[in-house]
Amino acid sequence: MEEQAIPIWYMPLIKGIVMILLSILILASPEGALIAWAFYIGIGFVITGMVLIYQGFAGRETEENWTWKIFEGLLDMFIGFMLMVNPLVTASIIPFLFGLWGAFYGIALFIDAFAHKENQFVKFAASLLVFWISTFIMFNPLLFGISIAIWVGVVMLIMGLYSLVLAFHLKKSVVEIAEHDTDFDPE
């Protein structure tokens, strides 16, 4: 099990909940979701970015790829601030921003699938699906038209569900370690 992730199992849980809530907001009203909810989506991205940055710094002693988490967190925060500052201007570049963000996330999951044996199939499947959909959104925004909001919601839902699966897997590991090691402090 990844030592750096065990004490902070609840961080992927927070990220997953935020991403699922954002996807529900988008999927509930796709025709106006990206513009109407851009500010709230931006807040969600800032929160997930802060969670990832915290995870990166918390794992810098034990995790060898902690800088990627920080980079991913900074990317999330950048997109969040872009959405919050001027949602109407950002609406014209939302397909590219979400496509770029999703493609990066898919690549990071793909690399992580080969770096760690835990949840390898789930990481691999989620990475390919997120990368494929995100790349398609980024390079074919006119083809999607209004349905781009639906695809963005689907990508966010997949990433949120993946984060929940990861959080519960990490929580299970915390319980198993606590049962075997009486000196273990999960916090």
Protein backbone atom coordinates (compact mmCIF):
# COMPACT_ATOMS: atom_id res chain seq x y z
CA MET A 1 0.00 0.00 0.00
CA GLU A 2 1.17 3.55 -0.64
CA GLU A 3 2.40 4.80 2.73
CA GLN A 4 1.88 8.49 1.94
CA ALA A 5 -1.76 7.99 1.02
CA ILE A 6 -2.87 5.99 4.05
CA PRO A 7 -3.02 8.81 6.64
CA ILE A 8 -4.83 11.11 4.21
CA TRP A 9 -7.42 8.67 2.86
CA TYR A 10 -10.16 11.26 3.30
CA MET A 11 -8.63 13.68 0.77
CA PRO A 12 -9.66 11.60 -2.29
CA LEU A 13 -13.07 11.26 -0.59
CA ILE A 14 -13.45 15.06 -0.42
CA LYS A 15 -12.29 15.43 -4.02
CA GLY A 16 -14.66 12.69 -5.19
CA ILE A 17 -17.65 14.22 -3.43
CA VAL A 18 -16.92 17.67 -4.88
CA MET A 19 -16.48 16.26 -8.41
CA ILE A 20 -19.68 14.21 -8.21
CA LEU A 21 -21.66 17.21 -6.94
CA LEU A 22 -20.30 19.34 -9.78
CA SER A 23 -21.17 16.67 -12.32
CA ILE A 24 -24.72 16.48 -10.94
CA LEU A 25 -25.05 20.28 -11.27
CA ILE A 26 -23.91 20.10 -14.88
CA LEU A 27 -25.95 17.06 -15.85
CA ALA A 28 -29.11 18.45 -14.21
CA SER A 29 -29.15 21.42 -16.57
CA PRO A 30 -26.72 20.89 -19.45
CA GLU A 31 -28.14 23.55 -21.77
CA GLY A 32 -27.00 26.42 -19.58
CA ALA A 33 -24.79 24.66 -17.08
CA LEU A 34 -21.35 25.69 -18.25
CA ILE A 35 -22.11 29.40 -18.24
CA ALA A 36 -24.63 29.52 -15.40
CA TRP A 37 -22.60 27.29 -13.11
CA ALA A 38 -19.11 28.40 -14.22
CA PHE A 39 -18.48 30.27 -10.97
CA TYR A 40 -19.52 27.31 -8.82
CA ILE A 41 -17.58 24.88 -10.98
CA GLY A 42 -14.60 27.21 -10.52
CA ILE A 43 -14.99 27.04 -6.74
CA GLY A 44 -15.11 23.24 -6.97
CA PHE A 45 -11.92 23.17 -9.01
CA VAL A 46 -10.17 25.45 -6.51
CA ILE A 47 -11.21 23.11 -3.67
CA THR A 48 -10.00 20.00 -5.48
CA GLY A 49 -6.78 21.81 -6.35
CA MET A 50 -6.17 22.65 -2.70
CA VAL A 51 -6.85 19.03 -1.73
CA LEU A 52 -4.31 17.79 -4.28
CA ILE A 53 -1.69 20.34 -3.23
CA TYR A 54 -2.16 19.30 0.40
CA GLN A 55 -1.81 15.63 -0.59
CA GLY A 56 1.37 16.41 -2.51
CA PHE A 57 3.03 18.27 0.32
CA ALA A 58 1.84 15.74 2.92
CA GLY A 59 3.38 12.90 0.92
CA ARG A 60 6.66 14.55 -0.04
CA GLU A 61 8.64 12.48 2.49
CA THR A 62 7.39 9.08 1.35
CA GLU A 63 5.99 9.49 -2.16
CA GLU A 64 8.34 9.76 -5.09
CA ASN A 65 5.86 11.45 -7.44
CA TRP A 66 4.46 14.01 -5.00
CA THR A 67 5.31 16.87 -7.39
CA TRP A 68 2.76 15.56 -9.91
CA LYS A 69 -0.01 15.91 -7.33
CA ILE A 70 1.06 19.48 -6.68
CA PHE A 71 1.17 20.20 -10.42
CA GLU A 72 -2.28 18.66 -10.87
CA GLY A 73 -3.56 20.74 -7.94
CA LEU A 74 -2.13 23.92 -9.42
CA LEU A 75 -3.73 23.10 -12.78
CA ASP A 76 -7.10 22.55 -11.06
CA MET A 77 -6.75 25.84 -9.17
CA PHE A 78 -5.78 27.71 -12.36
CA ILE A 79 -8.84 26.44 -14.21
CA GLY A 80 -11.00 27.21 -11.17
CA PHE A 81 -9.76 30.80 -10.99
CA MET A 82 -10.24 31.21 -14.75
CA LEU A 83 -13.86 30.12 -14.39
CA MET A 84 -14.47 32.34 -11.36
CA VAL A 85 -12.92 35.54 -12.70
CA ASN A 86 -14.89 35.89 -15.92
CA PRO A 87 -17.36 33.09 -16.66
CA LEU A 88 -18.68 34.63 -19.90
CA VAL A 89 -15.25 35.00 -21.51
CA THR A 90 -14.22 31.62 -20.21
CA ALA A 91 -17.32 30.04 -21.77
CA SER A 92 -15.75 30.32 -25.22
CA ILE A 93 -12.65 28.41 -24.15
CA ILE A 94 -14.34 25.97 -21.76
CA PRO A 95 -14.09 23.04 -24.21
CA PHE A 96 -10.35 23.51 -24.55
CA LEU A 97 -9.80 24.08 -20.81
CA PHE A 98 -11.83 21.04 -19.78
CA GLY A 99 -10.30 18.97 -22.54
CA LEU A 100 -6.78 19.92 -21.50
CA TRP A 101 -7.55 19.33 -17.83
CA GLY A 102 -9.19 15.97 -18.49
CA ALA A 103 -6.42 14.82 -20.85
CA PHE A 104 -3.80 15.64 -18.21
CA TYR A 105 -5.83 13.82 -15.55
CA GLY A 106 -6.19 10.79 -17.83
CA ILE A 107 -2.43 10.69 -18.47
CA ALA A 108 -1.70 10.99 -14.74
CA LEU A 109 -4.06 8.08 -13.99
CA PHE A 110 -2.49 6.03 -16.78
CA ILE A 111 1.01 6.56 -15.36
CA ASP A 112 -0.24 5.83 -11.85
CA ALA A 113 -1.84 2.58 -13.05
CA PHE A 114 1.59 1.25 -13.95
CA ALA A 115 3.39 2.76 -10.96
CA HIS A 116 1.21 1.08 -8.31
CA LYS A 117 -0.50 -2.29 -8.31
CA GLU A 118 -3.52 -1.20 -6.25
CA ASN A 119 -6.68 -0.60 -8.28
CA GLN A 120 -4.64 -1.02 -11.48
CA PHE A 121 -7.56 -2.05 -13.69
CA VAL A 122 -9.83 0.74 -12.38
CA LYS A 123 -7.07 3.34 -12.90
CA PHE A 124 -6.30 2.03 -16.38
CA ALA A 125 -9.95 1.97 -17.50
CA ALA A 126 -10.71 5.40 -16.00
CA SER A 127 -7.56 6.89 -17.54
CA LEU A 128 -8.38 5.71 -21.05
CA LEU A 129 -12.01 6.77 -20.84
CA VAL A 130 -11.22 10.22 -19.39
CA PHE A 131 -8.37 10.82 -21.85
CA TRP A 132 -10.42 9.76 -24.87
CA ILE A 133 -13.48 11.85 -24.01
CA SER A 134 -11.39 14.88 -22.97
CA THR A 135 -9.26 14.83 -26.09
CA PHE A 136 -12.38 14.56 -28.22
CA ILE A 137 -13.92 17.55 -26.40
CA MET A 138 -10.73 19.59 -26.77
CA PHE A 139 -10.31 19.06 -30.51
CA ASN A 140 -13.98 18.85 -31.59
CA PRO A 141 -15.88 21.46 -29.55
CA LEU A 142 -18.25 22.40 -32.39
CA LEU A 143 -19.20 18.79 -32.97
CA PHE A 144 -20.53 18.56 -29.44
CA GLY A 145 -22.43 21.86 -29.40
CA ILE A 146 -24.67 22.01 -26.35
CA SER A 147 -23.94 18.41 -25.46
CA ILE A 148 -20.42 19.42 -24.43
CA ALA A 149 -21.83 20.12 -20.98
CA ILE A 150 -23.06 16.55 -20.79
CA TRP A 151 -19.63 15.20 -21.74
CA VAL A 152 -17.89 17.47 -19.24
CA GLY A 153 -20.34 16.24 -16.59
CA VAL A 154 -19.62 12.62 -17.53
CA VAL A 155 -15.84 13.15 -17.28
CA MET A 156 -16.23 14.83 -13.88
CA LEU A 157 -18.51 12.01 -12.71
CA ILE A 158 -15.96 9.34 -13.74
CA MET A 159 -13.17 11.19 -11.93
CA GLY A 160 -15.34 11.67 -8.85
CA LEU A 161 -16.34 8.01 -8.72
CA TYR A 162 -12.71 6.96 -9.16
CA SER A 163 -11.72 9.21 -6.24
CA LEU A 164 -14.42 7.64 -4.05
CA VAL A 165 -13.24 4.12 -4.90
CA LEU A 166 -9.68 5.15 -4.07
CA ALA A 167 -10.72 6.75 -0.77
CA PHE A 168 -12.59 3.66 0.42
CA HIS A 169 -9.70 1.43 -0.63
CA LEU A 170 -7.30 3.63 1.36
CA LYS A 171 -9.66 3.65 4.36
CA LYS A 172 -9.75 -0.15 4.29
CA SER A 173 -5.94 -0.15 4.32
CA VAL A 174 -5.90 2.16 7.34
CA VAL A 175 -8.16 -0.25 9.24
CA GLU A 176 -6.02 -3.25 8.25
CA ILE A 177 -2.81 -1.51 9.34
CA ALA A 178 -4.39 -0.39 12.61
CA GLU A 179 -5.41 -3.99 13.35
CA HIS A 180 -1.86 -5.28 12.77
CA ASP A 181 0.11 -2.38 14.29
CA THR A 182 -0.95 -1.21 17.73
CA ASP A 183 1.39 1.82 17.53
CA PHE A 184 -0.16 3.07 14.26
CA ASP A 185 -1.74 6.53 14.39
CA PRO A 186 -3.94 7.15 11.31
CA GLU A 187 -3.68 10.93 11.76
